[in-house]
Amino acid sequence: MAPKQKRQRTTGKALDMNNYMNWGVTQLRHALAGIGLVTSPTFPLATLRKLYSDNVVNVSRNAARPVAQPLDRPTTVST
């Protein structure tokens, strides 16, 4: 027989509560309600995480990207 492996316990300090992937259903619902999204009480945790990711995380990432500025003069290509 193979030796039994002990399961490692995680304490509350091991989880980073700033990461939305560690949030519970209630905390995700409150965060989504804070940005104006009303969610169904039957949505599972995975769906709430996807909604949060699509509407909060990805929006903030896109806002951090610089927007291309238009050129003052037309672009020409010489050959």
PDB file of N, CA and C in Angstrom:
ATOM      1  N   MET A   1       0.826  -1.188   0.000  1.00  0.00           N
ATOM      2  CA  MET A   1       0.000   0.000   0.000  1.00  0.00           C
ATOM      3  C   MET A   1       0.867   1.246   0.000  1.00  0.00           C
ATOM      4  N   ALA A   2       0.376   2.243  -0.661  1.00  0.00           N
ATOM      5  CA  ALA A   2       1.094   3.518  -0.703  1.00  0.00           C
ATOM      6  C   ALA A   2       0.912   4.243   0.624  1.00  0.00           C
ATOM      7  N   PRO A   3       1.924   5.013   1.013  1.00  0.00           N
ATOM      8  CA  PRO A   3       1.783   5.748   2.278  1.00  0.00           C
ATOM      9  C   PRO A   3       0.732   6.861   2.132  1.00  0.00           C
ATOM     10  N   LYS A   4       0.041   7.123   3.223  1.00  0.00           N
ATOM     11  CA  LYS A   4      -0.971   8.164   3.209  1.00  0.00           C
ATOM     12  C   LYS A   4      -0.297   9.533   3.194  1.00  0.00           C
ATOM     13  N   GLN A   5      -0.835  10.404   2.393  1.00  0.00           N
ATOM     14  CA  GLN A   5      -0.310  11.761   2.352  1.00  0.00           C
ATOM     15  C   GLN A   5      -1.183  12.643   3.232  1.00  0.00           C
ATOM     16  N   LYS A   6      -0.525  13.462   4.024  1.00  0.00           N
ATOM     17  CA  LYS A   6      -1.274  14.363   4.878  1.00  0.00           C
ATOM     18  C   LYS A   6      -1.727  15.565   4.065  1.00  0.00           C
ATOM     19  N   ARG A   7      -2.906  15.984   4.323  1.00  0.00           N
ATOM     20  CA  ARG A   7      -3.467  17.150   3.640  1.00  0.00           C
ATOM     21  C   ARG A   7      -2.971  18.412   4.338  1.00  0.00           C
ATOM     22  N   GLN A   8      -2.491  19.342   3.548  1.00  0.00           N
ATOM     23  CA  GLN A   8      -2.016  20.589   4.116  1.00  0.00           C
ATOM     24  C   GLN A   8      -3.194  21.505   4.381  1.00  0.00           C
ATOM     25  N   ARG A   9      -3.190  22.093   5.546  1.00  0.00           N
ATOM     26  CA  ARG A   9      -4.250  23.022   5.900  1.00  0.00           C
ATOM     27  C   ARG A   9      -3.847  24.428   5.489  1.00  0.00           C
ATOM     28  N   THR A  10      -4.824  25.168   5.050  1.00  0.00           N
ATOM     29  CA  THR A  10      -4.566  26.576   4.744  1.00  0.00           C
ATOM     30  C   THR A  10      -5.253  27.415   5.806  1.00  0.00           C
ATOM     31  N   THR A  11      -4.573  28.418   6.235  1.00  0.00           N
ATOM     32  CA  THR A  11      -5.174  29.322   7.208  1.00  0.00           C
ATOM     33  C   THR A  11      -5.766  30.498   6.482  1.00  0.00           C
ATOM     34  N   GLY A  12      -6.524  31.297   7.175  1.00  0.00           N
ATOM     35  CA  GLY A  12      -7.127  32.476   6.585  1.00  0.00           C
ATOM     36  C   GLY A  12      -6.092  33.460   6.065  1.00  0.00           C
ATOM     37  N   LYS A  13      -4.894  33.424   6.623  1.00  0.00           N
ATOM     38  CA  LYS A  13      -3.847  34.332   6.184  1.00  0.00           C
ATOM     39  C   LYS A  13      -3.264  33.915   4.836  1.00  0.00           C
ATOM     40  N   ALA A  14      -3.481  32.684   4.437  1.00  0.00           N
ATOM     41  CA  ALA A  14      -2.902  32.201   3.185  1.00  0.00           C
ATOM     42  C   ALA A  14      -3.651  32.755   1.966  1.00  0.00           C
ATOM     43  N   LEU A  15      -4.903  33.136   2.145  1.00  0.00           N
ATOM     44  CA  LEU A  15      -5.689  33.638   1.023  1.00  0.00           C
ATOM     45  C   LEU A  15      -5.542  35.148   0.909  1.00  0.00           C
ATOM     46  N   ASP A  16      -5.342  35.613  -0.302  1.00  0.00           N
ATOM     47  CA  ASP A  16      -5.246  37.039  -0.567  1.00  0.00           C
ATOM     48  C   ASP A  16      -6.650  37.538  -0.884  1.00  0.00           C
ATOM     49  N   MET A  17      -7.249  38.267   0.019  1.00  0.00           N
ATOM     50  CA  MET A  17      -8.626  38.718  -0.175  1.00  0.00           C
ATOM     51  C   MET A  17      -8.732  39.906  -1.128  1.00  0.00           C
ATOM     52  N   ASN A  18      -7.605  40.409  -1.627  1.00  0.00           N
ATOM     53  CA  ASN A  18      -7.644  41.427  -2.667  1.00  0.00           C
ATOM     54  C   ASN A  18      -7.851  40.801  -4.039  1.00  0.00           C
ATOM     55  N   ASN A  19      -7.651  39.495  -4.133  1.00  0.00           N
ATOM     56  CA  ASN A  19      -7.841  38.764  -5.382  1.00  0.00           C
ATOM     57  C   ASN A  19      -9.290  38.286  -5.447  1.00  0.00           C
ATOM     58  N   TYR A  20     -10.007  38.706  -6.486  1.00  0.00           N
ATOM     59  CA  TYR A  20     -11.423  38.353  -6.592  1.00  0.00           C
ATOM     60  C   TYR A  20     -11.649  36.845  -6.716  1.00  0.00           C
ATOM     61  N   MET A  21     -10.642  36.097  -7.102  1.00  0.00           N
ATOM     62  CA  MET A  21     -10.801  34.648  -7.212  1.00  0.00           C
ATOM     63  C   MET A  21     -10.958  33.988  -5.840  1.00  0.00           C
ATOM     64  N   ASN A  22     -10.605  34.689  -4.773  1.00  0.00           N
ATOM     65  CA  ASN A  22     -10.744  34.156  -3.418  1.00  0.00           C
ATOM     66  C   ASN A  22     -12.017  34.643  -2.731  1.00  0.00           C
ATOM     67  N   TRP A  23     -12.825  35.443  -3.419  1.00  0.00           N
ATOM     68  CA  TRP A  23     -14.044  35.975  -2.819  1.00  0.00           C
ATOM     69  C   TRP A  23     -15.159  34.950  -2.869  1.00  0.00           C
ATOM     70  N   GLY A  24     -16.081  35.094  -1.945  1.00  0.00           N
ATOM     71  CA  GLY A  24     -17.265  34.262  -1.926  1.00  0.00           C
ATOM     72  C   GLY A  24     -18.367  34.876  -2.772  1.00  0.00           C
ATOM     73  N   VAL A  25     -19.478  34.181  -2.842  1.00  0.00           N
ATOM     74  CA  VAL A  25     -20.608  34.616  -3.661  1.00  0.00           C
ATOM     75  C   VAL A  25     -21.130  35.970  -3.186  1.00  0.00           C
ATOM     76  N   THR A  26     -21.265  36.141  -1.878  1.00  0.00           N
ATOM     77  CA  THR A  26     -21.820  37.383  -1.343  1.00  0.00           C
ATOM     78  C   THR A  26     -20.943  38.577  -1.672  1.00  0.00           C
ATOM     79  N   GLN A  27     -19.645  38.424  -1.507  1.00  0.00           N
ATOM     80  CA  GLN A  27     -18.733  39.534  -1.780  1.00  0.00           C
ATOM     81  C   GLN A  27     -18.728  39.889  -3.271  1.00  0.00           C
ATOM     82  N   LEU A  28     -18.775  38.893  -4.138  1.00  0.00           N
ATOM     83  CA  LEU A  28     -18.840  39.152  -5.574  1.00  0.00           C
ATOM     84  C   LEU A  28     -20.140  39.858  -5.949  1.00  0.00           C
ATOM     85  N   ARG A  29     -21.262  39.424  -5.343  1.00  0.00           N
ATOM     86  CA  ARG A  29     -22.546  40.074  -5.637  1.00  0.00           C
ATOM     87  C   ARG A  29     -22.538  41.530  -5.214  1.00  0.00           C
ATOM     88  N   HIS A  30     -21.944  41.828  -4.048  1.00  0.00           N
ATOM     89  CA  HIS A  30     -21.858  43.214  -3.584  1.00  0.00           C
ATOM     90  C   HIS A  30     -20.975  44.044  -4.514  1.00  0.00           C
ATOM     91  N   ALA A  31     -19.870  43.471  -4.966  1.00  0.00           N
ATOM     92  CA  ALA A  31     -18.977  44.199  -5.874  1.00  0.00           C
ATOM     93  C   ALA A  31     -19.663  44.464  -7.213  1.00  0.00           C
ATOM     94  N   LEU A  32     -20.400  43.495  -7.727  1.00  0.00           N
ATOM     95  CA  LEU A  32     -21.111  43.678  -8.990  1.00  0.00           C
ATOM     96  C   LEU A  32     -22.262  44.676  -8.832  1.00  0.00           C
ATOM     97  N   ALA A  33     -22.933  44.647  -7.691  1.00  0.00           N
ATOM     98  CA  ALA A  33     -23.997  45.619  -7.442  1.00  0.00           C
ATOM     99  C   ALA A  33     -23.414  47.028  -7.348  1.00  0.00           C
ATOM    100  N   GLY A  34     -22.180  47.138  -6.862  1.00  0.00           N
ATOM    101  CA  GLY A  34     -21.529  48.432  -6.757  1.00  0.00           C
ATOM    102  C   GLY A  34     -21.268  49.085  -8.103  1.00  0.00           C
ATOM    103  N   ILE A  35     -21.151  48.287  -9.158  1.00  0.00           N
ATOM    104  CA  ILE A  35     -20.955  48.859 -10.496  1.00  0.00           C
ATOM    105  C   ILE A  35     -22.245  48.850 -11.306  1.00  0.00           C
ATOM    106  N   GLY A  36     -23.353  48.502 -10.641  1.00  0.00           N
ATOM    107  CA  GLY A  36     -24.656  48.589 -11.301  1.00  0.00           C
ATOM    108  C   GLY A  36     -25.150  47.316 -11.947  1.00  0.00           C
ATOM    109  N   LEU A  37     -24.524  46.195 -11.695  1.00  0.00           N
ATOM    110  CA  LEU A  37     -24.984  44.923 -12.260  1.00  0.00           C
ATOM    111  C   LEU A  37     -25.807  44.173 -11.220  1.00  0.00           C
ATOM    112  N   VAL A  38     -27.046  43.907 -11.550  1.00  0.00           N
ATOM    113  CA  VAL A  38     -27.916  43.133 -10.673  1.00  0.00           C
ATOM    114  C   VAL A  38     -27.837  41.688 -11.145  1.00  0.00           C
ATOM    115  N   THR A  39     -27.485  40.792 -10.243  1.00  0.00           N
ATOM    116  CA  THR A  39     -27.310  39.390 -10.618  1.00  0.00           C
ATOM    117  C   THR A  39     -28.432  38.542 -10.036  1.00  0.00           C
ATOM    118  N   SER A  40     -28.688  37.445 -10.695  1.00  0.00           N
ATOM    119  CA  SER A  40     -29.690  36.502 -10.226  1.00  0.00           C
ATOM    120  C   SER A  40     -29.154  35.748  -9.013  1.00  0.00           C
ATOM    121  N   PRO A  41     -30.006  35.474  -8.046  1.00  0.00           N
ATOM    122  CA  PRO A  41     -29.540  34.707  -6.883  1.00  0.00           C
ATOM    123  C   PRO A  41     -29.145  33.269  -7.229  1.00  0.00           C
ATOM    124  N   THR A  42     -29.485  32.818  -8.425  1.00  0.00           N
ATOM    125  CA  THR A  42     -29.158  31.446  -8.807  1.00  0.00           C
ATOM    126  C   THR A  42     -27.841  31.338  -9.568  1.00  0.00           C
ATOM    127  N   PHE A  43     -27.167  32.471  -9.830  1.00  0.00           N
ATOM    128  CA  PHE A  43     -25.892  32.412 -10.543  1.00  0.00           C
ATOM    129  C   PHE A  43     -24.852  31.702  -9.686  1.00  0.00           C
ATOM    130  N   PRO A  44     -24.139  30.733 -10.253  1.00  0.00           N
ATOM    131  CA  PRO A  44     -23.078  30.066  -9.497  1.00  0.00           C
ATOM    132  C   PRO A  44     -21.839  30.962  -9.373  1.00  0.00           C
ATOM    133  N   LEU A  45     -20.938  30.561  -8.511  1.00  0.00           N
ATOM    134  CA  LEU A  45     -19.722  31.324  -8.234  1.00  0.00           C
ATOM    135  C   LEU A  45     -18.905  31.557  -9.504  1.00  0.00           C
ATOM    136  N   ALA A  46     -18.788  30.558 -10.354  1.00  0.00           N
ATOM    137  CA  ALA A  46     -18.005  30.694 -11.586  1.00  0.00           C
ATOM    138  C   ALA A  46     -18.585  31.775 -12.502  1.00  0.00           C
ATOM    139  N   THR A  47     -19.887  31.858 -12.580  1.00  0.00           N
ATOM    140  CA  THR A  47     -20.535  32.874 -13.415  1.00  0.00           C
ATOM    141  C   THR A  47     -20.300  34.268 -12.849  1.00  0.00           C
ATOM    142  N   LEU A  48     -20.378  34.415 -11.534  1.00  0.00           N
ATOM    143  CA  LEU A  48     -20.136  35.707 -10.903  1.00  0.00           C
ATOM    144  C   LEU A  48     -18.688  36.148 -11.108  1.00  0.00           C
ATOM    145  N   ARG A  49     -17.757  35.203 -11.019  1.00  0.00           N
ATOM    146  CA  ARG A  49     -16.342  35.533 -11.259  1.00  0.00           C
ATOM    147  C   ARG A  49     -16.133  36.005 -12.691  1.00  0.00           C
ATOM    148  N   LYS A  50     -16.773  35.343 -13.652  1.00  0.00           N
ATOM    149  CA  LYS A  50     -16.643  35.728 -15.052  1.00  0.00           C
ATOM    150  C   LYS A  50     -17.238  37.110 -15.293  1.00  0.00           C
ATOM    151  N   LEU A  51     -18.391  37.390 -14.703  1.00  0.00           N
ATOM    152  CA  LEU A  51     -19.001  38.708 -14.828  1.00  0.00           C
ATOM    153  C   LEU A  51     -18.089  39.786 -14.244  1.00  0.00           C
ATOM    154  N   TYR A  52     -17.514  39.505 -13.079  1.00  0.00           N
ATOM    155  CA  TYR A  52     -16.621  40.472 -12.446  1.00  0.00           C
ATOM    156  C   TYR A  52     -15.383  40.689 -13.309  1.00  0.00           C
ATOM    157  N   SER A  53     -14.837  39.612 -13.816  1.00  0.00           N
ATOM    158  CA  SER A  53     -13.650  39.711 -14.662  1.00  0.00           C
ATOM    159  C   SER A  53     -13.926  40.516 -15.924  1.00  0.00           C
ATOM    160  N   ASP A  54     -15.038  40.247 -16.578  1.00  0.00           N
ATOM    161  CA  ASP A  54     -15.372  40.932 -17.828  1.00  0.00           C
ATOM    162  C   ASP A  54     -15.696  42.409 -17.623  1.00  0.00           C
ATOM    163  N   ASN A  55     -16.316  42.741 -16.497  1.00  0.00           N
ATOM    164  CA  ASN A  55     -16.804  44.103 -16.307  1.00  0.00           C
ATOM    165  C   ASN A  55     -15.939  44.981 -15.422  1.00  0.00           C
ATOM    166  N   VAL A  56     -15.063  44.408 -14.643  1.00  0.00           N
ATOM    167  CA  VAL A  56     -14.227  45.216 -13.750  1.00  0.00           C
ATOM    168  C   VAL A  56     -12.751  45.046 -14.079  1.00  0.00           C
ATOM    169  N   VAL A  57     -12.266  43.830 -14.082  1.00  0.00           N
ATOM    170  CA  VAL A  57     -10.842  43.576 -14.279  1.00  0.00           C
ATOM    171  C   VAL A  57     -10.409  43.963 -15.686  1.00  0.00           C
ATOM    172  N   ASN A  58     -11.112  43.482 -16.710  1.00  0.00           N
ATOM    173  CA  ASN A  58     -10.722  43.773 -18.092  1.00  0.00           C
ATOM    174  C   ASN A  58     -10.919  45.239 -18.446  1.00  0.00           C
ATOM    175  N   VAL A  59     -11.915  45.890 -17.872  1.00  0.00           N
ATOM    176  CA  VAL A  59     -12.136  47.307 -18.143  1.00  0.00           C
ATOM    177  C   VAL A  59     -10.989  48.130 -17.586  1.00  0.00           C
ATOM    178  N   SER A  60     -10.533  47.795 -16.384  1.00  0.00           N
ATOM    179  CA  SER A  60      -9.424  48.551 -15.799  1.00  0.00           C
ATOM    180  C   SER A  60      -8.121  48.280 -16.546  1.00  0.00           C
ATOM    181  N   ARG A  61      -7.950  47.095 -17.087  1.00  0.00           N
ATOM    182  CA  ARG A  61      -6.752  46.801 -17.888  1.00  0.00           C
ATOM    183  C   ARG A  61      -6.766  47.598 -19.184  1.00  0.00           C
ATOM    184  N   ASN A  62      -7.928  47.677 -19.823  1.00  0.00           N
ATOM    185  CA  ASN A  62      -8.033  48.427 -21.076  1.00  0.00           C
ATOM    186  C   ASN A  62      -7.862  49.915 -20.844  1.00  0.00           C
ATOM    187  N   ALA A  63      -8.276  50.419 -19.703  1.00  0.00           N
ATOM    188  CA  ALA A  63      -8.134  51.838 -19.405  1.00  0.00           C
ATOM    189  C   ALA A  63      -6.668  52.201 -19.174  1.00  0.00           C
ATOM    190  N   ALA A  64      -5.869  51.243 -18.744  1.00  0.00           N
ATOM    191  CA  ALA A  64      -4.460  51.507 -18.475  1.00  0.00           C
ATOM    192  C   ALA A  64      -3.634  51.559 -19.758  1.00  0.00           C
ATOM    193  N   ARG A  65      -4.151  51.020 -20.844  1.00  0.00           N
ATOM    194  CA  ARG A  65      -3.421  51.028 -22.115  1.00  0.00           C
ATOM    195  C   ARG A  65      -3.482  52.415 -22.730  1.00  0.00           C
ATOM    196  N   PRO A  66      -2.378  52.889 -23.243  1.00  0.00           N
ATOM    197  CA  PRO A  66      -2.421  54.203 -23.882  1.00  0.00           C
ATOM    198  C   PRO A  66      -3.170  54.123 -25.214  1.00  0.00           C
ATOM    199  N   VAL A  67      -3.889  55.165 -25.496  1.00  0.00           N
ATOM    200  CA  VAL A  67      -4.646  55.242 -26.749  1.00  0.00           C
ATOM    201  C   VAL A  67      -3.748  55.874 -27.795  1.00  0.00           C
ATOM    202  N   ALA A  68      -3.770  55.316 -28.989  1.00  0.00           N
ATOM    203  CA  ALA A  68      -2.933  55.852 -30.063  1.00  0.00           C
ATOM    204  C   ALA A  68      -3.409  57.257 -30.415  1.00  0.00           C
ATOM    205  N   GLN A  69      -2.483  58.180 -30.464  1.00  0.00           N
ATOM    206  CA  GLN A  69      -2.806  59.565 -30.803  1.00  0.00           C
ATOM    207  C   GLN A  69      -2.750  59.737 -32.321  1.00  0.00           C
ATOM    208  N   PRO A  70      -3.681  60.502 -32.877  1.00  0.00           N
ATOM    209  CA  PRO A  70      -3.633  60.727 -34.325  1.00  0.00           C
ATOM    210  C   PRO A  70      -2.423  61.580 -34.687  1.00  0.00           C
ATOM    211  N   LEU A  71      -1.889  61.342 -35.860  1.00  0.00           N
ATOM    212  CA  LEU A  71      -0.737  62.100 -36.321  1.00  0.00           C
ATOM    213  C   LEU A  71      -1.184  63.458 -36.856  1.00  0.00           C
ATOM    214  N   ASP A  72      -0.321  64.465 -36.715  1.00  0.00           N
ATOM    215  CA  ASP A  72      -0.623  65.803 -37.215  1.00  0.00           C
ATOM    216  C   ASP A  72      -0.518  65.857 -38.738  1.00  0.00           C
ATOM    217  N   ARG A  73       0.290  64.987 -39.288  1.00  0.00           N
ATOM    218  CA  ARG A  73       0.497  65.003 -40.730  1.00  0.00           C
ATOM    219  C   ARG A  73       0.167  63.614 -41.274  1.00  0.00           C
ATOM    220  N   PRO A  74      -0.180  63.534 -42.529  1.00  0.00           N
ATOM    221  CA  PRO A  74      -0.508  62.215 -43.098  1.00  0.00           C
ATOM    222  C   PRO A  74       0.742  61.331 -43.145  1.00  0.00           C
ATOM    223  N   THR A  75       0.518  60.067 -43.009  1.00  0.00           N
ATOM    224  CA  THR A  75       1.608  59.101 -43.058  1.00  0.00           C
ATOM    225  C   THR A  75       1.881  58.743 -44.512  1.00  0.00           C
ATOM    226  N   THR A  76       3.160  58.805 -44.890  1.00  0.00           N
ATOM    227  CA  THR A  76       3.547  58.448 -46.255  1.00  0.00           C
ATOM    228  C   THR A  76       4.558  57.325 -46.197  1.00  0.00           C
ATOM    229  N   VAL A  77       4.554  56.512 -47.222  1.00  0.00           N
ATOM    230  CA  VAL A  77       5.502  55.423 -47.328  1.00  0.00           C
ATOM    231  C   VAL A  77       6.337  55.652 -48.575  1.00  0.00           C
ATOM    232  N   SER A  78       7.657  55.670 -48.414  1.00  0.00           N
ATOM    233  CA  SER A  78       8.556  55.853 -49.560  1.00  0.00           C
ATOM    234  C   SER A  78       9.176  54.521 -49.924  1.00  0.00           C
ATOM    235  N   THR A  79       9.271  54.267 -51.219  1.00  0.00           N
ATOM    236  CA  THR A  79       9.918  53.035 -51.672  1.00  0.00           C
ATOM    237  C   THR A  79      11.111  53.318 -52.516  1.00  0.00           C
TER     238      THR A  79
END
